[in-house]
Protein backbone atom coordinates (compact mmCIF):
# COMPACT_ATOMS: atom_id res chain seq x y z
CA MET A 1 21.28 -10.18 -2.33
CA SER A 2 22.93 -7.56 -4.06
CA ALA A 3 22.34 -3.62 -4.35
CA SER A 4 21.08 -4.27 -7.91
CA LYS A 5 18.46 -6.71 -6.92
CA LEU A 6 17.12 -4.71 -4.15
CA ASN A 7 16.38 -1.91 -6.58
CA ASN A 8 13.78 -4.21 -8.14
CA TYR A 9 11.50 -3.83 -5.20
CA ASN A 10 9.05 -1.00 -5.11
CA LYS A 11 8.98 0.00 -1.18
CA LEU A 12 5.81 1.54 -0.16
CA THR A 13 5.21 4.47 1.72
CA MET A 14 2.49 4.47 4.37
CA GLU A 15 0.48 7.14 2.11
CA LYS A 16 0.59 4.70 -1.15
CA LYS A 17 -0.63 1.85 1.11
CA TYR A 18 -3.49 4.30 2.06
CA ARG A 19 -3.96 5.08 -1.35
CA LEU A 20 -3.90 1.80 -2.54
CA ILE A 21 -6.75 0.90 -0.07
CA GLN A 22 -8.72 4.11 -0.96
CA VAL A 23 -8.86 2.78 -4.74
CA ALA A 24 -9.26 -0.96 -3.76
CA GLY A 25 -12.82 0.32 -2.24
CA GLN A 26 -13.57 3.38 -4.74
CA LYS A 27 -13.04 1.26 -7.48
CA ASN A 28 -14.05 -2.36 -6.37
CA SER A 29 -10.64 -3.40 -8.24
CA SER A 30 -9.51 -6.91 -8.31
CA GLN A 31 -6.29 -7.38 -6.55
CA ARG A 32 -4.61 -8.38 -9.76
CA SER A 33 -5.58 -4.84 -11.21
CA LEU A 34 -4.35 -3.13 -8.10
CA ALA A 35 -1.02 -5.03 -8.24
CA GLN A 36 -0.49 -4.11 -11.95
CA GLU A 37 -1.51 -0.41 -11.19
CA PHE A 38 0.55 0.04 -8.25
CA LYS A 39 3.46 -2.09 -9.65
CA LEU A 40 3.41 -4.65 -6.66
CA SER A 41 3.12 -8.52 -6.54
CA LEU A 42 -0.31 -9.90 -5.63
CA GLY A 43 0.74 -10.93 -2.44
CA ALA A 44 1.99 -7.41 -1.58
CA VAL A 45 -1.53 -6.37 -2.24
CA ASN A 46 -2.94 -9.12 -0.50
CA LYS A 47 -0.82 -8.52 2.68
CA ILE A 48 -1.73 -4.71 2.60
CA LEU A 49 -5.60 -5.35 2.28
CA LYS A 50 -5.53 -8.02 5.01
CA GLN A 51 -3.61 -5.00 7.28
CA LYS A 52 -5.82 -2.42 5.97
CA TYR A 53 -7.66 -1.40 8.97
CA ASP A 54 -4.02 -1.60 10.99
CA ILE A 55 -2.49 0.67 8.17
CA ILE A 56 -5.67 3.48 7.95
CA GLU A 57 -5.54 3.78 11.68
CA ILE A 58 -1.34 4.57 11.59
CA TYR A 59 -2.04 6.60 8.55
CA LYS A 60 -4.63 9.14 10.30
CA THR A 61 -2.46 9.01 13.42
CA ARG A 62 0.46 10.15 11.75
CA LEU A 63 -1.31 12.89 9.85
CA ASN A 64 -3.30 14.07 13.03
CA SER A 65 0.33 14.12 14.98
CA CYS A 66 1.94 16.53 11.99
CA ILE A 67 -1.08 18.56 12.09
CA LEU A 68 -0.98 19.24 16.02
């Protein structure tokens, strides 16, 4: 895969994944609208939401380790 092709992907940080999960819960948004809002594929949004409990746990663990 060429370098220019790699630039088309939107790499999400843990913070952005956590934010997507929050928005999904607050707005009760469809996965399609979340994909458009966060500029992701529908499959990527689906994967994040399937892993939401793991992502929340990792995010909170990282946040707590930074605070301490």
